[in-house]
Amino acid sequence: MRKRHEDPSAVVLDSQTVRASVNAPKDTTGLDPGKKSPGRKRGITTDVLGLIITVVVVAASVHDNVIGIALLDKVAATAPTVTKSGVDAGFKEAVVEHGARLGIDVEIVQRDPGAREFTPGTRAVGGGADVRHPPCAPQTRTGLRDPAGRLGGDDPLVHGRRHAPPPQPHRHPDLARCIPGERERAVRELLDKIEARQRLVPETAEKLRERIAERTGQLTAAERTLERLETTRETVLELAAEDGTPPPEPLPPGYREILALFERNRDGLRAREVCHTLGIESRHTEGTRAKLERLVNRGILAEVEPALFTLTPPAPTTSETGSI
């Protein structure tokens, strides 16, 4: 007896609608118009031994023709030795024509109109044996059971079924051939992602370098400004000491913020407006008013109206006094 070839030459295509969870995304599910069943639809290609060759999963609203075309494309890519395929009546002529373009003879197997229940097939796809085992013609059996053990004897197929353990996915040659292909595809996808990341990282790094250079320039300018201000302050203190004028006492940080606010608002502000602008709680309005009055006592602010404060106007120069 000749052994079967490792690669299949005939496959079977079919699809099945499966109900999806209520939490499944709407864009991946649909309603099967024929079975009126919501969910997803899975298309499977198997060889004559029942081993899975290709699988696709789509929304249930997708037509069987689309699934069949996708399965045929995958079969042509992963199992180029396939030349024959069988499908049921749910697949139309579009699948047959697409298979012909790929070099695969697609046969639509019609159901027996008189059959009311499952009936096991009596012939292989296309009416003959699988090309992988030409001498072994398909056997016609009258039922699924062996009523009197007549199928025992020396039949090697039955003997193998009785005594051989079930095929293990990691040991079966056909599955062992398919699994590395999945691994290669996964590795290719990972490599593509890594290459995309490698192209993106240099661009991001260059943008970060430009941003760092910009921030470095701003930091350098701020440090130079701080040095100039410190030098100016020391110069003013030295000139005041030479004239015998006592240096002014530095204001606390809270007072500096208030003065900066009055520099931007020359028309005057009230205590509650100062609190609102600086983000101070309203319950501290009286404390803020006390600070404003202290600045009035030092001649920095002036109370032009009751509770309305503004910066003290500069003293008139000698020329202005003479003109008056």
C-alpha atoms as a PDB file:
ATOM      1  CA  MET A   1       0.000   0.000   0.000  1.00  0.00           C
ATOM      2  CA  ARG A   2       1.385   3.391  -0.988  1.00  0.00           C
ATOM      3  CA  LYS A   3       1.578   6.105   1.623  1.00  0.00           C
ATOM      4  CA  ARG A   4      -0.306   9.343   1.324  1.00  0.00           C
ATOM      5  CA  HIS A   5       1.526  12.452   0.262  1.00  0.00           C
ATOM      6  CA  GLU A   6       2.282  14.881   3.055  1.00  0.00           C
ATOM      7  CA  ASP A   7       0.500  17.821   1.420  1.00  0.00           C
ATOM      8  CA  PRO A   8      -3.247  17.641   0.682  1.00  0.00           C
ATOM      9  CA  SER A   9      -4.688  17.804  -2.806  1.00  0.00           C
ATOM     10  CA  ALA A  10      -8.403  18.105  -1.892  1.00  0.00           C
ATOM     11  CA  VAL A  11     -10.127  20.250   0.737  1.00  0.00           C
ATOM     12  CA  VAL A  12     -13.623  21.065   1.959  1.00  0.00           C
ATOM     13  CA  LEU A  13     -14.895  24.603   2.688  1.00  0.00           C
ATOM     14  CA  ASP A  14     -17.749  25.415   5.056  1.00  0.00           C
ATOM     15  CA  SER A  15     -18.987  28.202   7.312  1.00  0.00           C
ATOM     16  CA  GLN A  16     -20.902  28.332  10.584  1.00  0.00           C
ATOM     17  CA  THR A  17     -22.670  31.142  12.426  1.00  0.00           C
ATOM     18  CA  VAL A  18     -21.841  31.435  16.125  1.00  0.00           C
ATOM     19  CA  ARG A  19     -23.648  33.662  18.599  1.00  0.00           C
ATOM     20  CA  ALA A  20     -21.395  36.347  20.079  1.00  0.00           C
ATOM     21  CA  SER A  21     -21.348  37.795  23.571  1.00  0.00           C
ATOM     22  CA  VAL A  22     -23.501  40.835  24.272  1.00  0.00           C
ATOM     23  CA  ASN A  23     -20.286  42.692  25.111  1.00  0.00           C
ATOM     24  CA  ALA A  24     -18.739  42.017  21.678  1.00  0.00           C
ATOM     25  CA  PRO A  25     -17.946  45.153  19.619  1.00  0.00           C
ATOM     26  CA  LYS A  26     -20.686  46.110  17.179  1.00  0.00           C
ATOM     27  CA  ASP A  27     -18.268  46.466  14.248  1.00  0.00           C
ATOM     28  CA  THR A  28     -17.183  42.797  14.534  1.00  0.00           C
ATOM     29  CA  THR A  29     -20.649  41.224  14.724  1.00  0.00           C
ATOM     30  CA  GLY A  30     -23.721  41.138  12.518  1.00  0.00           C
ATOM     31  CA  LEU A  31     -26.993  39.341  11.716  1.00  0.00           C
ATOM     32  CA  ASP A  32     -26.979  36.240   9.525  1.00  0.00           C
ATOM     33  CA  PRO A  33     -29.789  37.008   7.035  1.00  0.00           C
ATOM     34  CA  GLY A  34     -30.416  33.317   6.359  1.00  0.00           C
ATOM     35  CA  LYS A  35     -30.457  31.927   9.894  1.00  0.00           C
ATOM     36  CA  LYS A  36     -31.584  35.168  11.578  1.00  0.00           C
ATOM     37  CA  SER A  37     -28.841  34.626  14.140  1.00  0.00           C
ATOM     38  CA  PRO A  38     -26.669  37.496  15.436  1.00  0.00           C
ATOM     39  CA  GLY A  39     -22.973  37.034  16.092  1.00  0.00           C
ATOM     40  CA  ARG A  40     -19.943  36.056  14.043  1.00  0.00           C
ATOM     41  CA  LYS A  41     -19.374  33.608  11.212  1.00  0.00           C
ATOM     42  CA  ARG A  42     -16.335  31.342  11.000  1.00  0.00           C
ATOM     43  CA  GLY A  43     -15.124  29.789   7.788  1.00  0.00           C
ATOM     44  CA  ILE A  44     -12.952  26.665   7.920  1.00  0.00           C
ATOM     45  CA  THR A  45     -11.019  24.692   5.330  1.00  0.00           C
ATOM     46  CA  THR A  46     -10.150  21.063   6.149  1.00  0.00           C
ATOM     47  CA  ASP A  47      -8.534  18.252   4.230  1.00  0.00           C
ATOM     48  CA  VAL A  48     -10.174  14.837   3.820  1.00  0.00           C
ATOM     49  CA  LEU A  49      -8.779  13.761   7.195  1.00  0.00           C
ATOM     50  CA  GLY A  50     -10.596  16.633   8.928  1.00  0.00           C
ATOM     51  CA  LEU A  51      -7.400  18.554   9.695  1.00  0.00           C
ATOM     52  CA  ILE A  52      -7.810  22.324   9.609  1.00  0.00           C
ATOM     53  CA  ILE A  53      -5.927  24.063   6.808  1.00  0.00           C
ATOM     54  CA  THR A  54      -7.204  27.671   7.026  1.00  0.00           C
ATOM     55  CA  VAL A  55      -9.635  29.652   9.198  1.00  0.00           C
ATOM     56  CA  VAL A  56     -11.318  33.062   8.853  1.00  0.00           C
ATOM     57  CA  VAL A  57     -13.654  34.808  11.316  1.00  0.00           C
ATOM     58  CA  VAL A  58     -15.968  37.608  10.145  1.00  0.00           C
ATOM     59  CA  ALA A  59     -19.267  39.191  11.123  1.00  0.00           C
ATOM     60  CA  ALA A  60     -22.346  37.005  10.639  1.00  0.00           C
ATOM     61  CA  SER A  61     -23.728  39.450   8.062  1.00  0.00           C
ATOM     62  CA  VAL A  62     -20.898  38.658   5.614  1.00  0.00           C
ATOM     63  CA  HIS A  63     -21.990  36.457   2.681  1.00  0.00           C
ATOM     64  CA  ASP A  64     -20.561  32.967   2.244  1.00  0.00           C
ATOM     65  CA  ASN A  65     -19.056  33.999  -1.107  1.00  0.00           C
ATOM     66  CA  VAL A  66     -16.759  36.481   0.635  1.00  0.00           C
ATOM     67  CA  ILE A  67     -15.737  33.807   3.142  1.00  0.00           C
ATOM     68  CA  GLY A  68     -15.139  31.249   0.400  1.00  0.00           C
ATOM     69  CA  ILE A  69     -12.969  33.630  -1.624  1.00  0.00           C
ATOM     70  CA  ALA A  70     -10.898  34.495   1.476  1.00  0.00           C
ATOM     71  CA  LEU A  71     -10.474  30.801   2.325  1.00  0.00           C
ATOM     72  CA  LEU A  72      -9.392  29.961  -1.228  1.00  0.00           C
ATOM     73  CA  ASP A  73      -6.797  32.751  -1.146  1.00  0.00           C
ATOM     74  CA  LYS A  74      -5.397  31.348   2.083  1.00  0.00           C
ATOM     75  CA  VAL A  75      -5.418  27.795   0.727  1.00  0.00           C
ATOM     76  CA  ALA A  76      -3.524  28.887  -2.393  1.00  0.00           C
ATOM     77  CA  ALA A  77      -0.937  30.624  -0.186  1.00  0.00           C
ATOM     78  CA  THR A  78      -0.468  27.930   2.488  1.00  0.00           C
ATOM     79  CA  ALA A  79      -1.239  24.707   0.567  1.00  0.00           C
ATOM     80  CA  PRO A  80      -0.347  25.152  -3.112  1.00  0.00           C
ATOM     81  CA  THR A  81      -0.781  21.401  -3.790  1.00  0.00           C
ATOM     82  CA  VAL A  82      -4.585  21.666  -3.456  1.00  0.00           C
ATOM     83  CA  THR A  83      -6.359  21.283  -6.799  1.00  0.00           C
ATOM     84  CA  LYS A  84      -9.862  20.243  -5.703  1.00  0.00           C
ATOM     85  CA  SER A  85     -12.352  21.753  -3.275  1.00  0.00           C
ATOM     86  CA  GLY A  86     -15.875  20.879  -2.241  1.00  0.00           C
ATOM     87  CA  VAL A  87     -18.447  23.383  -0.941  1.00  0.00           C
ATOM     88  CA  ASP A  88     -22.133  23.255  -0.106  1.00  0.00           C
ATOM     89  CA  ALA A  89     -24.931  25.130  -1.831  1.00  0.00           C
ATOM     90  CA  GLY A  90     -24.393  28.210   0.355  1.00  0.00           C
ATOM     91  CA  PHE A  91     -21.416  29.122  -1.818  1.00  0.00           C
ATOM     92  CA  LYS A  92     -22.260  30.464  -5.276  1.00  0.00           C
ATOM     93  CA  GLU A  93     -20.610  30.687  -8.695  1.00  0.00           C
ATOM     94  CA  ALA A  94     -18.366  33.560  -7.571  1.00  0.00           C
ATOM     95  CA  VAL A  95     -16.423  31.099  -5.418  1.00  0.00           C
ATOM     96  CA  VAL A  96     -16.181  28.621  -8.309  1.00  0.00           C
ATOM     97  CA  GLU A  97     -14.859  31.304 -10.668  1.00  0.00           C
ATOM     98  CA  HIS A  98     -12.346  32.559  -8.102  1.00  0.00           C
ATOM     99  CA  GLY A  99     -11.118  29.020  -7.491  1.00  0.00           C
ATOM    100  CA  ALA A 100     -10.640  28.534 -11.249  1.00  0.00           C
ATOM    101  CA  ARG A 101      -8.431  31.629 -11.351  1.00  0.00           C
ATOM    102  CA  LEU A 102      -6.337  30.114  -8.552  1.00  0.00           C
ATOM    103  CA  GLY A 103      -6.125  26.717 -10.251  1.00  0.00           C
ATOM    104  CA  ILE A 104      -8.540  25.029  -7.802  1.00  0.00           C
ATOM    105  CA  ASP A 105     -11.533  23.112  -9.127  1.00  0.00           C
ATOM    106  CA  VAL A 106     -14.423  24.073  -6.810  1.00  0.00           C
ATOM    107  CA  GLU A 107     -17.421  21.697  -6.857  1.00  0.00           C
ATOM    108  CA  ILE A 108     -20.752  22.696  -5.302  1.00  0.00           C
ATOM    109  CA  VAL A 109     -22.142  19.530  -3.693  1.00  0.00           C
ATOM    110  CA  GLN A 110     -25.950  19.589  -3.694  1.00  0.00           C
ATOM    111  CA  ARG A 111     -27.900  18.031  -0.837  1.00  0.00           C
ATOM    112  CA  ASP A 112     -30.158  15.073  -1.511  1.00  0.00           C
ATOM    113  CA  PRO A 113     -33.713  16.533  -1.574  1.00  0.00           C
ATOM    114  CA  GLY A 114     -35.174  13.400   0.049  1.00  0.00           C
ATOM    115  CA  ALA A 115     -32.754  13.381   2.995  1.00  0.00           C
ATOM    116  CA  ARG A 116     -34.290  14.623   6.262  1.00  0.00           C
ATOM    117  CA  GLU A 117     -31.317  14.000   8.524  1.00  0.00           C
ATOM    118  CA  PHE A 118     -27.557  13.663   8.383  1.00  0.00           C
ATOM    119  CA  THR A 119     -26.375  11.077   5.884  1.00  0.00           C
ATOM    120  CA  PRO A 120     -22.695  10.124   5.677  1.00  0.00           C
ATOM    121  CA  GLY A 121     -21.128  10.654   2.265  1.00  0.00           C
ATOM    122  CA  THR A 122     -20.323   7.632   0.105  1.00  0.00           C
ATOM    123  CA  ARG A 123     -17.682   9.265  -2.076  1.00  0.00           C
ATOM    124  CA  ALA A 124     -14.784  11.647  -1.774  1.00  0.00           C
ATOM    125  CA  VAL A 125     -14.701  15.181  -3.126  1.00  0.00           C
ATOM    126  CA  GLY A 126     -15.019  15.087  -6.905  1.00  0.00           C
ATOM    127  CA  GLY A 127     -16.237  11.464  -7.002  1.00  0.00           C
ATOM    128  CA  GLY A 128     -12.856   9.789  -6.482  1.00  0.00           C
ATOM    129  CA  ALA A 129     -10.211   9.098  -3.889  1.00  0.00           C
ATOM    130  CA  ASP A 130      -7.852  11.684  -2.466  1.00  0.00           C
ATOM    131  CA  VAL A 131      -4.874  12.155  -4.762  1.00  0.00           C
ATOM    132  CA  ARG A 132      -2.593  11.650  -1.790  1.00  0.00           C
ATOM    133  CA  HIS A 133      -3.571   7.940  -1.780  1.00  0.00           C
ATOM    134  CA  PRO A 134      -4.607   6.968  -5.360  1.00  0.00           C
ATOM    135  CA  PRO A 135      -4.764   3.149  -4.878  1.00  0.00           C
ATOM    136  CA  CYS A 136      -7.135   3.420  -1.918  1.00  0.00           C
ATOM    137  CA  ALA A 137     -10.652   3.979  -3.270  1.00  0.00           C
ATOM    138  CA  PRO A 138     -13.301   5.285  -0.862  1.00  0.00           C
ATOM    139  CA  GLN A 139     -15.298   2.513   0.792  1.00  0.00           C
ATOM    140  CA  THR A 140     -19.087   2.573   0.860  1.00  0.00           C
ATOM    141  CA  ARG A 141     -20.509   1.863   4.293  1.00  0.00           C
ATOM    142  CA  THR A 142     -24.154   1.235   5.092  1.00  0.00           C
ATOM    143  CA  GLY A 143     -24.082   2.858   8.527  1.00  0.00           C
ATOM    144  CA  LEU A 144     -22.041   4.544  11.168  1.00  0.00           C
ATOM    145  CA  ARG A 145     -21.858   1.498  13.451  1.00  0.00           C
ATOM    146  CA  ASP A 146     -20.317  -1.973  12.986  1.00  0.00           C
ATOM    147  CA  PRO A 147     -23.228  -4.258  13.912  1.00  0.00           C
ATOM    148  CA  ALA A 148     -21.362  -7.569  13.973  1.00  0.00           C
ATOM    149  CA  GLY A 149     -17.717  -6.631  13.893  1.00  0.00           C
ATOM    150  CA  ARG A 150     -17.541  -7.270  10.137  1.00  0.00           C
ATOM    151  CA  LEU A 151     -15.303  -4.221   9.644  1.00  0.00           C
ATOM    152  CA  GLY A 152     -12.661  -5.658  11.936  1.00  0.00           C
ATOM    153  CA  GLY A 153     -10.578  -8.462  10.548  1.00  0.00           C
ATOM    154  CA  ASP A 154      -7.563  -7.378   8.623  1.00  0.00           C
ATOM    155  CA  ASP A 155      -8.809  -3.972   7.561  1.00  0.00           C
ATOM    156  CA  PRO A 156      -5.798  -1.726   8.262  1.00  0.00           C
ATOM    157  CA  LEU A 157      -7.940   1.388   8.570  1.00  0.00           C
ATOM    158  CA  VAL A 158     -10.192  -0.122  11.240  1.00  0.00           C
ATOM    159  CA  HIS A 159      -7.235  -1.743  12.957  1.00  0.00           C
ATOM    160  CA  GLY A 160      -5.490   1.600  13.109  1.00  0.00           C
ATOM    161  CA  ARG A 161      -8.581   3.284  14.544  1.00  0.00           C
ATOM    162  CA  ARG A 162      -8.965   0.670  17.260  1.00  0.00           C
ATOM    163  CA  HIS A 163      -5.415   0.506  18.504  1.00  0.00           C
ATOM    164  CA  ALA A 164      -3.699   3.741  17.511  1.00  0.00           C
ATOM    165  CA  PRO A 165      -3.961   6.622  20.018  1.00  0.00           C
ATOM    166  CA  PRO A 166      -5.704   9.817  18.886  1.00  0.00           C
ATOM    167  CA  PRO A 167      -3.448  12.137  16.918  1.00  0.00           C
ATOM    168  CA  GLN A 168      -1.583  14.674  19.019  1.00  0.00           C
ATOM    169  CA  PRO A 169      -1.417  18.227  17.633  1.00  0.00           C
ATOM    170  CA  HIS A 170       2.316  18.445  18.317  1.00  0.00           C
ATOM    171  CA  ARG A 171       3.054  15.065  16.692  1.00  0.00           C
ATOM    172  CA  HIS A 172       0.761  14.863  13.687  1.00  0.00           C
ATOM    173  CA  PRO A 173       2.758  15.643  10.504  1.00  0.00           C
ATOM    174  CA  ASP A 174       0.035  17.778   8.898  1.00  0.00           C
ATOM    175  CA  LEU A 175      -0.497  19.885  12.018  1.00  0.00           C
ATOM    176  CA  ALA A 176       3.240  20.074  12.581  1.00  0.00           C
ATOM    177  CA  ARG A 177       3.496  21.504   9.082  1.00  0.00           C
ATOM    178  CA  CYS A 178       0.776  24.095   9.726  1.00  0.00           C
ATOM    179  CA  ILE A 179       1.958  25.287  13.137  1.00  0.00           C
ATOM    180  CA  PRO A 180       5.393  26.509  11.955  1.00  0.00           C
ATOM    181  CA  GLY A 181       3.635  28.535   9.264  1.00  0.00           C
ATOM    182  CA  GLU A 182       1.589  30.272  11.948  1.00  0.00           C
ATOM    183  CA  ARG A 183       4.752  30.905  13.920  1.00  0.00           C
ATOM    184  CA  GLU A 184       6.468  32.369  10.860  1.00  0.00           C
ATOM    185  CA  ARG A 185       3.488  34.610  10.207  1.00  0.00           C
ATOM    186  CA  ALA A 186       3.481  35.794  13.828  1.00  0.00           C
ATOM    187  CA  VAL A 187       7.234  36.424  13.699  1.00  0.00           C
ATOM    188  CA  ARG A 188       6.816  38.422  10.477  1.00  0.00           C
ATOM    189  CA  GLU A 189       4.103  40.548  12.065  1.00  0.00           C
ATOM    190  CA  LEU A 190       6.337  41.210  15.089  1.00  0.00           C
ATOM    191  CA  LEU A 191       9.255  42.126  12.840  1.00  0.00           C
ATOM    192  CA  ASP A 192       7.049  44.518  10.869  1.00  0.00           C
ATOM    193  CA  LYS A 193       5.960  46.185  14.110  1.00  0.00           C
ATOM    194  CA  ILE A 194       9.575  46.447  15.258  1.00  0.00           C
ATOM    195  CA  GLU A 195      10.602  48.023  11.941  1.00  0.00           C
ATOM    196  CA  ALA A 196       7.739  50.512  12.186  1.00  0.00           C
ATOM    197  CA  ARG A 197       8.831  51.353  15.717  1.00  0.00           C
ATOM    198  CA  GLN A 198      12.427  51.736  14.560  1.00  0.00           C
ATOM    199  CA  ARG A 199      11.313  54.211  11.891  1.00  0.00           C
ATOM    200  CA  LEU A 200       9.260  56.161  14.403  1.00  0.00           C
ATOM    201  CA  VAL A 201      11.764  56.341  17.280  1.00  0.00           C
ATOM    202  CA  PRO A 202      14.448  58.390  15.412  1.00  0.00           C
ATOM    203  CA  GLU A 203      11.827  60.989  14.445  1.00  0.00           C
ATOM    204  CA  THR A 204      10.653  61.223  18.058  1.00  0.00           C
ATOM    205  CA  ALA A 205      14.231  61.446  19.318  1.00  0.00           C
ATOM    206  CA  GLU A 206      14.999  64.263  16.854  1.00  0.00           C
ATOM    207  CA  LYS A 207      11.932  66.220  17.985  1.00  0.00           C
ATOM    208  CA  LEU A 208      12.962  65.754  21.622  1.00  0.00           C
ATOM    209  CA  ARG A 209      16.478  66.982  20.843  1.00  0.00           C
ATOM    210  CA  GLU A 210      15.048  70.103  19.187  1.00  0.00           C
ATOM    211  CA  ARG A 211      12.775  70.683  22.174  1.00  0.00           C
ATOM    212  CA  ILE A 212      15.672  70.223  24.606  1.00  0.00           C
ATOM    213  CA  ALA A 213      17.798  72.682  22.621  1.00  0.00           C
ATOM    214  CA  GLU A 214      14.944  75.219  22.673  1.00  0.00           C
ATOM    215  CA  ARG A 215      14.416  74.820  26.423  1.00  0.00           C
ATOM    216  CA  THR A 216      18.171  75.048  27.001  1.00  0.00           C
ATOM    217  CA  GLY A 217      18.271  78.368  25.136  1.00  0.00           C
ATOM    218  CA  GLN A 218      15.364  79.685  27.203  1.00  0.00           C
ATOM    219  CA  LEU A 219      17.049  78.566  30.422  1.00  0.00           C
ATOM    220  CA  THR A 220      20.302  80.277  29.445  1.00  0.00           C
ATOM    221  CA  ALA A 221      18.464  83.537  28.649  1.00  0.00           C
ATOM    222  CA  ALA A 222      16.606  83.395  31.990  1.00  0.00           C
ATOM    223  CA  GLU A 223      19.872  82.831  33.883  1.00  0.00           C
ATOM    224  CA  ARG A 224      21.491  85.816  32.141  1.00  0.00           C
ATOM    225  CA  THR A 225      18.486  88.004  32.983  1.00  0.00           C
ATOM    226  CA  LEU A 226      18.715  86.925  36.618  1.00  0.00           C
ATOM    227  CA  GLU A 227      22.403  87.812  36.698  1.00  0.00           C
ATOM    228  CA  ARG A 228      21.726  91.282  35.230  1.00  0.00           C
ATOM    229  CA  LEU A 229      18.968  91.919  37.761  1.00  0.00           C
ATOM    230  CA  GLU A 230      21.211  90.869  40.630  1.00  0.00           C
ATOM    231  CA  THR A 231      23.984  93.154  39.358  1.00  0.00           C
ATOM    232  CA  THR A 232      21.533  96.056  39.026  1.00  0.00           C
ATOM    233  CA  ARG A 233      20.257  95.503  42.546  1.00  0.00           C
ATOM    234  CA  GLU A 234      23.752  95.542  43.984  1.00  0.00           C
ATOM    235  CA  THR A 235      24.558  98.733  42.059  1.00  0.00           C
ATOM    236  CA  VAL A 236      21.428 100.475  43.379  1.00  0.00           C
ATOM    237  CA  LEU A 237      22.261  99.488  46.952  1.00  0.00           C
ATOM    238  CA  GLU A 238      25.806 100.822  46.560  1.00  0.00           C
ATOM    239  CA  LEU A 239      24.579 104.168  45.193  1.00  0.00           C
ATOM    240  CA  ALA A 240      22.045 104.452  48.012  1.00  0.00           C
ATOM    241  CA  ALA A 241      24.764 103.798  50.593  1.00  0.00           C
ATOM    242  CA  GLU A 242      26.987 106.530  49.080  1.00  0.00           C
ATOM    243  CA  ASP A 243      24.139 109.109  49.306  1.00  0.00           C
ATOM    244  CA  GLY A 244      23.298 108.128  52.877  1.00  0.00           C
ATOM    245  CA  THR A 245      19.868 106.841  51.898  1.00  0.00           C
ATOM    246  CA  PRO A 246      18.906 103.688  53.809  1.00  0.00           C
ATOM    247  CA  PRO A 247      18.108 100.825  51.453  1.00  0.00           C
ATOM    248  CA  PRO A 248      14.436  99.903  51.269  1.00  0.00           C
ATOM    249  CA  GLU A 249      13.364  96.809  53.075  1.00  0.00           C
ATOM    250  CA  PRO A 250      12.592  93.933  50.689  1.00  0.00           C
ATOM    251  CA  LEU A 251       8.942  93.023  50.366  1.00  0.00           C
ATOM    252  CA  PRO A 252       7.729  89.493  51.200  1.00  0.00           C
ATOM    253  CA  PRO A 253       6.709  87.305  48.243  1.00  0.00           C
ATOM    254  CA  GLY A 254       2.980  87.871  48.870  1.00  0.00           C
ATOM    255  CA  TYR A 255       3.396  91.627  48.528  1.00  0.00           C
ATOM    256  CA  ARG A 256       5.426  91.220  45.334  1.00  0.00           C
ATOM    257  CA  GLU A 257       2.579  89.325  43.692  1.00  0.00           C
ATOM    258  CA  ILE A 258       0.170  92.104  44.675  1.00  0.00           C
ATOM    259  CA  LEU A 259       2.443  94.796  43.234  1.00  0.00           C
ATOM    260  CA  ALA A 260       2.861  92.818  39.982  1.00  0.00           C
ATOM    261  CA  LEU A 261      -0.939  92.659  39.750  1.00  0.00           C
ATOM    262  CA  PHE A 262      -1.254  96.423  40.193  1.00  0.00           C
ATOM    263  CA  GLU A 263       1.398  96.937  37.512  1.00  0.00           C
ATOM    264  CA  ARG A 264      -0.902  95.200  35.051  1.00  0.00           C
ATOM    265  CA  ASN A 265      -4.045  97.001  36.284  1.00  0.00           C
ATOM    266  CA  ARG A 266      -3.338 100.731  36.447  1.00  0.00           C
ATOM    267  CA  ASP A 267      -6.996 101.672  36.914  1.00  0.00           C
ATOM    268  CA  GLY A 268      -7.066 100.323  40.463  1.00  0.00           C
ATOM    269  CA  LEU A 269      -8.328  97.221  42.240  1.00  0.00           C
ATOM    270  CA  ARG A 270     -10.350  96.358  45.306  1.00  0.00           C
ATOM    271  CA  ALA A 271      -9.390  93.754  47.888  1.00  0.00           C
ATOM    272  CA  ARG A 272     -11.926  91.154  46.678  1.00  0.00           C
ATOM    273  CA  GLU A 273     -10.718  91.617  43.075  1.00  0.00           C
ATOM    274  CA  VAL A 274      -7.151  90.987  44.185  1.00  0.00           C
ATOM    275  CA  CYS A 275      -8.235  87.802  45.974  1.00  0.00           C
ATOM    276  CA  HIS A 276     -10.167  86.575  42.935  1.00  0.00           C
ATOM    277  CA  THR A 277      -7.295  87.252  40.510  1.00  0.00           C
ATOM    278  CA  LEU A 278      -4.607  85.677  42.707  1.00  0.00           C
ATOM    279  CA  GLY A 279      -6.762  82.672  43.607  1.00  0.00           C
ATOM    280  CA  ILE A 280      -7.078  83.600  47.289  1.00  0.00           C
ATOM    281  CA  GLU A 281     -10.155  82.360  49.149  1.00  0.00           C
ATOM    282  CA  SER A 282     -12.819  84.986  49.847  1.00  0.00           C
ATOM    283  CA  ARG A 283     -12.517  84.431  53.592  1.00  0.00           C
ATOM    284  CA  HIS A 284      -9.055  86.043  53.383  1.00  0.00           C
ATOM    285  CA  THR A 285     -10.373  89.281  51.884  1.00  0.00           C
ATOM    286  CA  GLU A 286      -9.848  91.252  55.104  1.00  0.00           C
ATOM    287  CA  GLY A 287      -6.266  90.023  55.393  1.00  0.00           C
ATOM    288  CA  THR A 288      -5.615  91.117  51.797  1.00  0.00           C
ATOM    289  CA  ARG A 289      -7.132  94.541  52.542  1.00  0.00           C
ATOM    290  CA  ALA A 290      -4.750  94.882  55.517  1.00  0.00           C
ATOM    291  CA  LYS A 291      -1.772  94.199  53.185  1.00  0.00           C
ATOM    292  CA  LEU A 292      -3.010  96.859  50.775  1.00  0.00           C
ATOM    293  CA  GLU A 293      -3.260  99.389  53.616  1.00  0.00           C
ATOM    294  CA  ARG A 294       0.319  98.574  54.689  1.00  0.00           C
ATOM    295  CA  LEU A 295       1.482  99.312  51.154  1.00  0.00           C
ATOM    296  CA  VAL A 296      -0.453 102.590  51.336  1.00  0.00           C
ATOM    297  CA  ASN A 297       1.391 103.472  54.564  1.00  0.00           C
ATOM    298  CA  ARG A 298       4.726 102.825  52.821  1.00  0.00           C
ATOM    299  CA  GLY A 299       3.722 105.082  49.929  1.00  0.00           C
ATOM    300  CA  ILE A 300       3.684 102.325  47.359  1.00  0.00           C
ATOM    301  CA  LEU A 301      -0.094 102.277  46.864  1.00  0.00           C
ATOM    302  CA  ALA A 302      -2.706 104.988  47.157  1.00  0.00           C
ATOM    303  CA  GLU A 303      -6.357 104.683  48.205  1.00  0.00           C
ATOM    304  CA  VAL A 304      -8.022 106.958  45.627  1.00  0.00           C
ATOM    305  CA  GLU A 305     -11.514 105.996  46.798  1.00  0.00           C
ATOM    306  CA  PRO A 306     -12.789 104.084  49.828  1.00  0.00           C
ATOM    307  CA  ALA A 307     -11.568 100.458  49.373  1.00  0.00           C
ATOM    308  CA  LEU A 308     -10.166 101.230  45.861  1.00  0.00           C
ATOM    309  CA  PHE A 309      -6.374 101.052  45.634  1.00  0.00           C
ATOM    310  CA  THR A 310      -3.959 101.973  42.869  1.00  0.00           C
ATOM    311  CA  LEU A 311      -0.232 102.538  42.426  1.00  0.00           C
ATOM    312  CA  THR A 312       1.043 105.825  43.859  1.00  0.00           C
ATOM    313  CA  PRO A 313       1.581 108.240  40.949  1.00  0.00           C
ATOM    314  CA  PRO A 314       5.204 109.388  40.518  1.00  0.00           C
ATOM    315  CA  ALA A 315       6.155 112.706  42.154  1.00  0.00           C
ATOM    316  CA  PRO A 316       6.234 115.693  39.733  1.00  0.00           C
ATOM    317  CA  THR A 317       9.674 116.777  38.507  1.00  0.00           C
ATOM    318  CA  THR A 318      11.151 120.234  39.113  1.00  0.00           C
ATOM    319  CA  SER A 319      10.305 121.442  35.590  1.00  0.00           C
ATOM    320  CA  GLU A 320       6.697 120.389  35.996  1.00  0.00           C
ATOM    321  CA  THR A 321       6.499 122.232  39.373  1.00  0.00           C
ATOM    322  CA  GLY A 322       7.867 125.411  37.841  1.00  0.00           C
ATOM    323  CA  SER A 323       5.387 125.348  34.973  1.00  0.00           C
ATOM    324  CA  ILE A 324       2.551 125.195  37.442  1.00  0.00           C
END
